[in-house]
Amino acid sequence: MAYWGRVGAGDLGVRIVNELAAEDVDVSAVRRVPGALSSSDAILVDPNEERLICTYTDPALDPDPSWLPLDRVARFDAVLADVRWPAGAARLFAAAAAAGIPAIFDGDVGPPESLLDLARRATHLAFSEPGLVQAAGVDAVGAALERIAAAVAGIVGVTLGADGFL
């Protein structure tokens, strides 16, 4: 398993890389960006066990994906990316297609045009309910799922929290 991504050069970036390495994740292709903050998430859970994920991605993290070691993609059984770095995810999914391996898209909230672009590039899509609604432009989950499924070639699903997966 490997992690290819960007982190800030500060303490949080060091911690992220060290914790991944401690779990035997290959971090040799992590890009440390001086002057940028590492992306971070806070997960808030209310008394009814509903969760809210608050994400921060520093715009100072260099969006250029040209440094990704795409020649290594064929070594993997699959790749996974989300919408937080669209240029990197698009490049990764293209390399996965060329290598004939699955490209899994974690479709959480983001700009609808980025969600749709990455959804079209992926072979397998797992949307959050808010991400699916944003991508489809339809509020009803069933209708949104049908709209996305008609627009992409991949296998599409949506997580529904306590109600499971559709």
N, C-alpha and C. Protein backbone atom coordinates (compact mmCIF):
# COMPACT_ATOMS: atom_id res chain seq x y z
N MET A 1 0.84 -1.16 0.00
CA MET A 1 0.00 0.00 0.00
C MET A 1 0.89 1.23 0.00
N ALA A 2 0.45 2.25 -0.72
CA ALA A 2 1.24 3.48 -0.82
C ALA A 2 0.32 4.68 -0.75
N TYR A 3 0.86 5.78 -0.27
CA TYR A 3 0.15 7.06 -0.25
C TYR A 3 0.94 8.04 -1.09
N TRP A 4 0.28 8.58 -2.10
CA TRP A 4 0.88 9.64 -2.92
C TRP A 4 0.04 10.88 -2.71
N GLY A 5 0.59 11.86 -2.10
CA GLY A 5 -0.15 13.08 -1.86
C GLY A 5 0.76 14.19 -1.41
N ARG A 6 0.14 15.30 -1.11
CA ARG A 6 0.88 16.49 -0.71
C ARG A 6 0.60 16.77 0.76
N VAL A 7 1.63 17.13 1.47
CA VAL A 7 1.49 17.57 2.86
C VAL A 7 2.31 18.84 3.03
N GLY A 8 1.96 19.60 4.05
CA GLY A 8 2.78 20.74 4.40
C GLY A 8 4.08 20.26 5.02
N ALA A 9 5.07 21.13 5.03
CA ALA A 9 6.38 20.74 5.56
C ALA A 9 6.46 20.89 7.08
N GLY A 10 5.37 21.34 7.71
CA GLY A 10 5.38 21.56 9.16
C GLY A 10 5.13 20.31 9.97
N ASP A 11 4.86 20.52 11.25
CA ASP A 11 4.69 19.42 12.20
C ASP A 11 3.56 18.45 11.81
N LEU A 12 2.44 18.98 11.35
CA LEU A 12 1.33 18.10 10.98
C LEU A 12 1.72 17.21 9.81
N GLY A 13 2.40 17.76 8.82
CA GLY A 13 2.85 16.96 7.68
C GLY A 13 3.79 15.86 8.11
N VAL A 14 4.71 16.18 9.02
CA VAL A 14 5.64 15.18 9.55
C VAL A 14 4.86 14.09 10.28
N ARG A 15 3.89 14.49 11.08
CA ARG A 15 3.09 13.52 11.83
C ARG A 15 2.30 12.60 10.89
N ILE A 16 1.68 13.18 9.87
CA ILE A 16 0.91 12.37 8.91
C ILE A 16 1.81 11.33 8.25
N VAL A 17 2.95 11.75 7.76
CA VAL A 17 3.86 10.84 7.08
C VAL A 17 4.38 9.77 8.05
N ASN A 18 4.75 10.17 9.25
CA ASN A 18 5.25 9.20 10.24
C ASN A 18 4.20 8.18 10.63
N GLU A 19 2.97 8.63 10.81
CA GLU A 19 1.91 7.69 11.21
C GLU A 19 1.57 6.72 10.07
N LEU A 20 1.57 7.20 8.85
CA LEU A 20 1.35 6.29 7.72
C LEU A 20 2.49 5.27 7.61
N ALA A 21 3.72 5.74 7.75
CA ALA A 21 4.88 4.85 7.67
C ALA A 21 4.84 3.80 8.78
N ALA A 22 4.37 4.20 9.96
CA ALA A 22 4.27 3.26 11.08
C ALA A 22 3.26 2.14 10.80
N GLU A 23 2.35 2.38 9.88
CA GLU A 23 1.36 1.37 9.48
C GLU A 23 1.80 0.62 8.22
N ASP A 24 3.08 0.73 7.89
CA ASP A 24 3.66 0.07 6.72
C ASP A 24 3.12 0.58 5.39
N VAL A 25 2.73 1.83 5.35
CA VAL A 25 2.32 2.47 4.11
C VAL A 25 3.58 3.09 3.49
N ASP A 26 3.79 2.85 2.21
CA ASP A 26 4.93 3.42 1.50
C ASP A 26 4.66 4.92 1.30
N VAL A 27 5.48 5.74 1.90
CA VAL A 27 5.33 7.20 1.82
C VAL A 27 6.47 7.84 1.03
N SER A 28 7.16 7.05 0.25
CA SER A 28 8.31 7.57 -0.49
C SER A 28 7.91 8.58 -1.56
N ALA A 29 6.65 8.59 -1.97
CA ALA A 29 6.22 9.53 -3.00
C ALA A 29 5.38 10.68 -2.44
N VAL A 30 5.46 10.91 -1.13
CA VAL A 30 4.76 12.05 -0.54
C VAL A 30 5.52 13.32 -0.88
N ARG A 31 4.78 14.35 -1.29
CA ARG A 31 5.41 15.64 -1.59
C ARG A 31 5.19 16.58 -0.43
N ARG A 32 6.29 17.06 0.13
CA ARG A 32 6.24 18.02 1.23
C ARG A 32 6.35 19.43 0.64
N VAL A 33 5.35 20.26 0.91
CA VAL A 33 5.27 21.59 0.30
C VAL A 33 5.62 22.65 1.33
N PRO A 34 6.79 23.29 1.20
CA PRO A 34 7.17 24.34 2.14
C PRO A 34 6.15 25.49 2.09
N GLY A 35 5.84 26.01 3.26
CA GLY A 35 4.93 27.15 3.35
C GLY A 35 3.46 26.80 3.27
N ALA A 36 3.13 25.53 3.13
CA ALA A 36 1.73 25.11 3.06
C ALA A 36 1.37 24.33 4.32
N LEU A 37 0.09 24.36 4.64
CA LEU A 37 -0.42 23.56 5.75
C LEU A 37 -0.95 22.24 5.20
N SER A 38 -0.78 21.19 5.95
CA SER A 38 -1.33 19.90 5.54
C SER A 38 -2.85 19.94 5.62
N SER A 39 -3.49 19.21 4.75
CA SER A 39 -4.95 19.09 4.83
C SER A 39 -5.32 18.42 6.14
N SER A 40 -6.46 18.81 6.67
CA SER A 40 -6.91 18.20 7.92
C SER A 40 -8.43 18.12 7.92
N ASP A 41 -8.94 17.21 8.71
CA ASP A 41 -10.38 17.00 8.84
C ASP A 41 -10.73 16.95 10.31
N ALA A 42 -11.92 17.43 10.63
CA ALA A 42 -12.50 17.24 11.95
C ALA A 42 -13.83 16.54 11.72
N ILE A 43 -14.09 15.49 12.48
CA ILE A 43 -15.34 14.76 12.36
C ILE A 43 -16.14 15.02 13.62
N LEU A 44 -17.29 15.67 13.44
CA LEU A 44 -18.17 16.01 14.55
C LEU A 44 -19.33 15.03 14.56
N VAL A 45 -19.65 14.49 15.73
CA VAL A 45 -20.75 13.55 15.87
C VAL A 45 -21.72 14.10 16.90
N ASP A 46 -23.01 14.22 16.51
CA ASP A 46 -24.00 14.77 17.43
C ASP A 46 -24.59 13.65 18.29
N PRO A 47 -25.43 13.99 19.28
CA PRO A 47 -26.01 12.96 20.16
C PRO A 47 -26.82 11.89 19.43
N ASN A 48 -27.32 12.19 18.23
CA ASN A 48 -28.05 11.20 17.44
C ASN A 48 -27.15 10.37 16.54
N GLU A 49 -25.84 10.52 16.74
CA GLU A 49 -24.80 9.80 16.00
C GLU A 49 -24.74 10.20 14.53
N GLU A 50 -25.27 11.36 14.19
CA GLU A 50 -25.08 11.93 12.85
C GLU A 50 -23.71 12.58 12.84
N ARG A 51 -23.03 12.48 11.71
CA ARG A 51 -21.68 13.05 11.66
C ARG A 51 -21.59 14.15 10.61
N LEU A 52 -20.67 15.04 10.87
CA LEU A 52 -20.35 16.12 9.95
C LEU A 52 -18.85 16.14 9.82
N ILE A 53 -18.35 16.11 8.59
CA ILE A 53 -16.91 16.15 8.36
C ILE A 53 -16.56 17.55 7.87
N CYS A 54 -15.67 18.21 8.60
CA CYS A 54 -15.20 19.54 8.25
C CYS A 54 -13.77 19.40 7.73
N THR A 55 -13.55 19.82 6.49
CA THR A 55 -12.28 19.61 5.82
C THR A 55 -11.61 20.93 5.51
N TYR A 56 -10.29 20.96 5.65
CA TYR A 56 -9.51 22.12 5.23
C TYR A 56 -8.37 21.63 4.32
N THR A 57 -8.30 22.22 3.13
CA THR A 57 -7.19 21.97 2.22
C THR A 57 -6.57 23.32 1.89
N ASP A 58 -5.32 23.48 2.21
CA ASP A 58 -4.62 24.75 2.00
C ASP A 58 -4.44 25.01 0.51
N PRO A 59 -4.91 26.17 0.02
CA PRO A 59 -4.69 26.48 -1.39
C PRO A 59 -3.22 26.61 -1.75
N ALA A 60 -2.34 26.72 -0.75
CA ALA A 60 -0.90 26.81 -1.02
C ALA A 60 -0.29 25.46 -1.38
N LEU A 61 -1.05 24.36 -1.20
CA LEU A 61 -0.54 23.06 -1.63
C LEU A 61 -0.52 23.06 -3.15
N ASP A 62 0.65 22.86 -3.71
CA ASP A 62 0.86 22.93 -5.15
C ASP A 62 -0.08 21.96 -5.88
N PRO A 63 -0.95 22.45 -6.78
CA PRO A 63 -1.89 21.56 -7.47
C PRO A 63 -1.26 20.76 -8.61
N ASP A 64 -0.04 21.04 -8.99
CA ASP A 64 0.60 20.38 -10.13
C ASP A 64 0.85 18.90 -9.83
N PRO A 65 0.25 17.98 -10.61
CA PRO A 65 0.45 16.55 -10.38
C PRO A 65 1.60 15.93 -11.18
N SER A 66 2.40 16.74 -11.85
CA SER A 66 3.40 16.19 -12.76
C SER A 66 4.47 15.35 -12.05
N TRP A 67 4.60 15.49 -10.76
CA TRP A 67 5.63 14.77 -10.00
C TRP A 67 5.17 13.36 -9.60
N LEU A 68 3.89 13.06 -9.77
CA LEU A 68 3.40 11.73 -9.36
C LEU A 68 4.15 10.62 -10.11
N PRO A 69 4.56 9.57 -9.41
CA PRO A 69 5.30 8.47 -10.04
C PRO A 69 4.37 7.48 -10.75
N LEU A 70 3.73 7.95 -11.79
CA LEU A 70 2.69 7.16 -12.46
C LEU A 70 3.21 5.89 -13.10
N ASP A 71 4.52 5.81 -13.30
CA ASP A 71 5.09 4.58 -13.84
C ASP A 71 4.94 3.42 -12.86
N ARG A 72 4.61 3.71 -11.60
CA ARG A 72 4.43 2.67 -10.58
C ARG A 72 3.00 2.16 -10.48
N VAL A 73 2.05 2.81 -11.14
CA VAL A 73 0.63 2.46 -10.99
C VAL A 73 0.36 0.99 -11.30
N ALA A 74 0.97 0.46 -12.32
CA ALA A 74 0.71 -0.93 -12.73
C ALA A 74 1.10 -1.94 -11.65
N ARG A 75 1.86 -1.54 -10.65
CA ARG A 75 2.24 -2.45 -9.56
C ARG A 75 1.09 -2.70 -8.59
N PHE A 76 0.07 -1.86 -8.64
CA PHE A 76 -1.01 -1.93 -7.67
C PHE A 76 -2.20 -2.69 -8.23
N ASP A 77 -3.05 -3.20 -7.34
CA ASP A 77 -4.27 -3.89 -7.74
C ASP A 77 -5.39 -2.89 -8.05
N ALA A 78 -5.31 -1.69 -7.46
CA ALA A 78 -6.31 -0.65 -7.66
C ALA A 78 -5.75 0.66 -7.13
N VAL A 79 -6.38 1.77 -7.52
CA VAL A 79 -6.03 3.08 -6.98
C VAL A 79 -7.30 3.73 -6.42
N LEU A 80 -7.13 4.62 -5.48
CA LEU A 80 -8.24 5.31 -4.83
C LEU A 80 -7.90 6.78 -4.72
N ALA A 81 -8.84 7.65 -5.08
CA ALA A 81 -8.63 9.09 -4.93
C ALA A 81 -9.97 9.75 -4.62
N ASP A 82 -9.89 10.95 -4.07
CA ASP A 82 -11.09 11.73 -3.80
C ASP A 82 -11.02 13.05 -4.56
N VAL A 83 -11.92 13.95 -4.24
CA VAL A 83 -12.06 15.20 -4.99
C VAL A 83 -11.19 16.33 -4.45
N ARG A 84 -10.45 16.09 -3.38
CA ARG A 84 -9.68 17.17 -2.75
C ARG A 84 -8.52 17.67 -3.61
N TRP A 85 -8.03 16.85 -4.50
CA TRP A 85 -6.95 17.24 -5.42
C TRP A 85 -7.34 16.75 -6.81
N PRO A 86 -8.24 17.44 -7.47
CA PRO A 86 -8.78 16.96 -8.75
C PRO A 86 -7.73 16.70 -9.82
N ALA A 87 -6.73 17.56 -9.92
CA ALA A 87 -5.70 17.36 -10.96
C ALA A 87 -4.91 16.07 -10.70
N GLY A 88 -4.58 15.81 -9.45
CA GLY A 88 -3.86 14.58 -9.10
C GLY A 88 -4.72 13.35 -9.32
N ALA A 89 -5.99 13.42 -8.92
CA ALA A 89 -6.90 12.29 -9.09
C ALA A 89 -7.11 11.99 -10.57
N ALA A 90 -7.29 13.02 -11.39
CA ALA A 90 -7.49 12.80 -12.83
C ALA A 90 -6.29 12.12 -13.44
N ARG A 91 -5.12 12.57 -13.08
CA ARG A 91 -3.90 11.98 -13.62
C ARG A 91 -3.73 10.53 -13.17
N LEU A 92 -4.05 10.27 -11.90
CA LEU A 92 -3.96 8.92 -11.36
C LEU A 92 -4.95 7.99 -12.05
N PHE A 93 -6.18 8.46 -12.24
CA PHE A 93 -7.20 7.62 -12.89
C PHE A 93 -6.83 7.33 -14.34
N ALA A 94 -6.23 8.28 -15.03
CA ALA A 94 -5.78 8.04 -16.41
C ALA A 94 -4.70 6.97 -16.44
N ALA A 95 -3.78 7.02 -15.50
CA ALA A 95 -2.72 6.01 -15.43
C ALA A 95 -3.30 4.64 -15.09
N ALA A 96 -4.31 4.60 -14.22
CA ALA A 96 -4.95 3.34 -13.87
C ALA A 96 -5.65 2.74 -15.10
N ALA A 97 -6.32 3.58 -15.87
CA ALA A 97 -6.99 3.10 -17.09
C ALA A 97 -5.97 2.52 -18.05
N ALA A 98 -4.84 3.20 -18.21
CA ALA A 98 -3.79 2.72 -19.11
C ALA A 98 -3.21 1.39 -18.63
N ALA A 99 -3.18 1.21 -17.31
CA ALA A 99 -2.63 -0.02 -16.73
C ALA A 99 -3.69 -1.12 -16.61
N GLY A 100 -4.95 -0.79 -16.86
CA GLY A 100 -6.01 -1.78 -16.78
C GLY A 100 -6.38 -2.19 -15.38
N ILE A 101 -6.24 -1.27 -14.42
CA ILE A 101 -6.60 -1.58 -13.04
C ILE A 101 -7.76 -0.68 -12.59
N PRO A 102 -8.52 -1.13 -11.58
CA PRO A 102 -9.64 -0.34 -11.10
C PRO A 102 -9.21 1.02 -10.54
N ALA A 103 -10.03 2.02 -10.81
CA ALA A 103 -9.85 3.37 -10.28
C ALA A 103 -11.08 3.68 -9.45
N ILE A 104 -10.89 3.78 -8.14
CA ILE A 104 -12.00 3.96 -7.21
C ILE A 104 -12.08 5.43 -6.81
N PHE A 105 -13.26 6.01 -6.95
CA PHE A 105 -13.48 7.41 -6.64
C PHE A 105 -14.31 7.55 -5.38
N ASP A 106 -13.76 8.23 -4.39
CA ASP A 106 -14.46 8.57 -3.15
C ASP A 106 -15.10 9.93 -3.38
N GLY A 107 -16.36 9.94 -3.78
CA GLY A 107 -17.05 11.16 -4.20
C GLY A 107 -17.74 11.87 -3.06
N ASP A 108 -16.99 12.61 -2.30
CA ASP A 108 -17.57 13.43 -1.23
C ASP A 108 -17.84 14.82 -1.79
N VAL A 109 -18.21 15.75 -0.96
CA VAL A 109 -18.58 17.09 -1.43
C VAL A 109 -17.39 17.79 -2.09
N GLY A 110 -17.71 18.57 -3.10
CA GLY A 110 -16.71 19.32 -3.84
C GLY A 110 -17.39 20.04 -4.99
N PRO A 111 -16.62 20.73 -5.80
CA PRO A 111 -17.21 21.41 -6.94
C PRO A 111 -17.88 20.39 -7.87
N PRO A 112 -19.15 20.63 -8.25
CA PRO A 112 -19.86 19.65 -9.09
C PRO A 112 -19.11 19.29 -10.36
N GLU A 113 -18.44 20.25 -11.00
CA GLU A 113 -17.73 19.93 -12.24
C GLU A 113 -16.57 18.98 -11.98
N SER A 114 -15.90 19.13 -10.84
CA SER A 114 -14.81 18.21 -10.49
C SER A 114 -15.35 16.83 -10.14
N LEU A 115 -16.45 16.80 -9.40
CA LEU A 115 -17.06 15.51 -9.07
C LEU A 115 -17.45 14.74 -10.33
N LEU A 116 -18.09 15.42 -11.26
CA LEU A 116 -18.51 14.76 -12.50
C LEU A 116 -17.33 14.32 -13.35
N ASP A 117 -16.32 15.17 -13.45
CA ASP A 117 -15.15 14.82 -14.25
C ASP A 117 -14.47 13.57 -13.69
N LEU A 118 -14.25 13.53 -12.38
CA LEU A 118 -13.59 12.38 -11.78
C LEU A 118 -14.48 11.15 -11.82
N ALA A 119 -15.79 11.34 -11.67
CA ALA A 119 -16.72 10.20 -11.76
C ALA A 119 -16.64 9.54 -13.13
N ARG A 120 -16.49 10.34 -14.16
CA ARG A 120 -16.41 9.79 -15.52
C ARG A 120 -15.10 9.04 -15.75
N ARG A 121 -14.09 9.33 -14.98
CA ARG A 121 -12.78 8.70 -15.15
C ARG A 121 -12.63 7.42 -14.33
N ALA A 122 -13.50 7.22 -13.35
CA ALA A 122 -13.37 6.11 -12.41
C ALA A 122 -14.10 4.87 -12.91
N THR A 123 -13.66 3.72 -12.40
CA THR A 123 -14.35 2.46 -12.70
C THR A 123 -15.34 2.11 -11.60
N HIS A 124 -15.09 2.59 -10.39
CA HIS A 124 -15.94 2.31 -9.24
C HIS A 124 -16.10 3.62 -8.47
N LEU A 125 -17.35 3.97 -8.13
CA LEU A 125 -17.63 5.24 -7.46
C LEU A 125 -18.41 5.00 -6.19
N ALA A 126 -17.94 5.55 -5.09
CA ALA A 126 -18.66 5.49 -3.81
C ALA A 126 -18.87 6.94 -3.37
N PHE A 127 -20.08 7.43 -3.55
CA PHE A 127 -20.41 8.80 -3.19
C PHE A 127 -20.93 8.86 -1.76
N SER A 128 -20.66 9.98 -1.10
CA SER A 128 -21.42 10.32 0.10
C SER A 128 -22.75 10.87 -0.41
N GLU A 129 -23.75 10.87 0.43
CA GLU A 129 -25.04 11.40 0.00
C GLU A 129 -24.93 12.87 -0.43
N PRO A 130 -24.26 13.75 0.36
CA PRO A 130 -24.14 15.14 -0.10
C PRO A 130 -23.32 15.27 -1.39
N GLY A 131 -22.28 14.45 -1.55
CA GLY A 131 -21.48 14.49 -2.77
C GLY A 131 -22.27 14.07 -3.99
N LEU A 132 -23.10 13.04 -3.83
CA LEU A 132 -23.94 12.57 -4.93
C LEU A 132 -24.93 13.64 -5.35
N VAL A 133 -25.59 14.26 -4.37
CA VAL A 133 -26.57 15.30 -4.66
C VAL A 133 -25.91 16.48 -5.36
N GLN A 134 -24.71 16.86 -4.91
CA GLN A 134 -23.98 17.95 -5.58
C GLN A 134 -23.64 17.58 -7.01
N ALA A 135 -23.13 16.39 -7.22
CA ALA A 135 -22.71 15.97 -8.56
C ALA A 135 -23.88 15.88 -9.52
N ALA A 136 -25.01 15.39 -9.03
CA ALA A 136 -26.16 15.16 -9.89
C ALA A 136 -27.03 16.40 -10.07
N GLY A 137 -26.98 17.30 -9.09
CA GLY A 137 -27.85 18.47 -9.16
C GLY A 137 -29.31 18.12 -8.90
N VAL A 138 -29.54 17.03 -8.17
CA VAL A 138 -30.88 16.54 -7.83
C VAL A 138 -30.90 16.22 -6.34
N ASP A 139 -31.95 16.63 -5.63
CA ASP A 139 -32.00 16.41 -4.18
C ASP A 139 -32.38 14.99 -3.76
N ALA A 140 -33.18 14.31 -4.54
CA ALA A 140 -33.62 12.96 -4.19
C ALA A 140 -32.49 11.97 -4.50
N VAL A 141 -32.10 11.18 -3.49
CA VAL A 141 -30.96 10.29 -3.63
C VAL A 141 -31.15 9.28 -4.76
N GLY A 142 -32.30 8.66 -4.85
CA GLY A 142 -32.54 7.68 -5.91
C GLY A 142 -32.41 8.29 -7.30
N ALA A 143 -33.02 9.45 -7.48
CA ALA A 143 -32.94 10.13 -8.78
C ALA A 143 -31.52 10.58 -9.07
N ALA A 144 -30.82 11.04 -8.03
CA ALA A 144 -29.42 11.47 -8.22
C ALA A 144 -28.55 10.29 -8.62
N LEU A 145 -28.75 9.15 -7.98
CA LEU A 145 -27.98 7.95 -8.31
C LEU A 145 -28.25 7.51 -9.74
N GLU A 146 -29.50 7.54 -10.15
CA GLU A 146 -29.84 7.17 -11.53
C GLU A 146 -29.21 8.14 -12.53
N ARG A 147 -29.21 9.42 -12.22
CA ARG A 147 -28.63 10.41 -13.12
C ARG A 147 -27.13 10.18 -13.28
N ILE A 148 -26.42 9.95 -12.18
CA ILE A 148 -24.98 9.73 -12.25
C ILE A 148 -24.69 8.41 -12.96
N ALA A 149 -25.43 7.36 -12.63
CA ALA A 149 -25.21 6.06 -13.26
C ALA A 149 -25.38 6.14 -14.78
N ALA A 150 -26.29 7.00 -15.25
CA ALA A 150 -26.50 7.15 -16.68
C ALA A 150 -25.39 7.96 -17.34
N ALA A 151 -24.65 8.73 -16.53
CA ALA A 151 -23.63 9.63 -17.09
C ALA A 151 -22.21 9.04 -17.04
N VAL A 152 -22.04 7.91 -16.36
CA VAL A 152 -20.70 7.34 -16.21
C VAL A 152 -20.70 5.87 -16.63
N ALA A 153 -19.52 5.35 -16.88
CA ALA A 153 -19.39 3.95 -17.25
C ALA A 153 -19.14 3.05 -16.05
N GLY A 154 -18.76 3.63 -14.93
CA GLY A 154 -18.37 2.85 -13.76
C GLY A 154 -19.55 2.37 -12.93
N ILE A 155 -19.22 1.58 -11.93
CA ILE A 155 -20.19 1.07 -10.96
C ILE A 155 -20.37 2.16 -9.91
N VAL A 156 -21.62 2.54 -9.63
CA VAL A 156 -21.90 3.69 -8.77
C VAL A 156 -22.70 3.27 -7.55
N GLY A 157 -22.33 3.82 -6.40
CA GLY A 157 -23.08 3.61 -5.17
C GLY A 157 -23.02 4.85 -4.30
N VAL A 158 -23.85 4.85 -3.26
CA VAL A 158 -23.89 5.97 -2.34
C VAL A 158 -24.03 5.45 -0.91
N THR A 159 -23.24 6.01 -0.01
CA THR A 159 -23.35 5.66 1.40
C THR A 159 -24.49 6.46 2.01
N LEU A 160 -25.27 5.82 2.86
CA LEU A 160 -26.45 6.43 3.44
C LEU A 160 -26.39 6.45 4.97
N GLY A 161 -25.20 6.48 5.54
CA GLY A 161 -25.06 6.51 6.99
C GLY A 161 -25.64 5.27 7.62
N ALA A 162 -26.50 5.48 8.60
CA ALA A 162 -27.11 4.35 9.31
C ALA A 162 -28.03 3.52 8.42
N ASP A 163 -28.44 4.08 7.29
CA ASP A 163 -29.32 3.37 6.37
C ASP A 163 -28.57 2.51 5.37
N GLY A 164 -27.25 2.43 5.48
CA GLY A 164 -26.48 1.51 4.66
C GLY A 164 -25.93 2.11 3.38
N PHE A 165 -26.02 1.33 2.31
CA PHE A 165 -25.40 1.67 1.02
C PHE A 165 -26.38 1.34 -0.10
N LEU A 166 -26.47 2.20 -1.09
CA LEU A 166 -27.36 1.98 -2.21
C LEU A 166 -26.56 1.99 -3.50
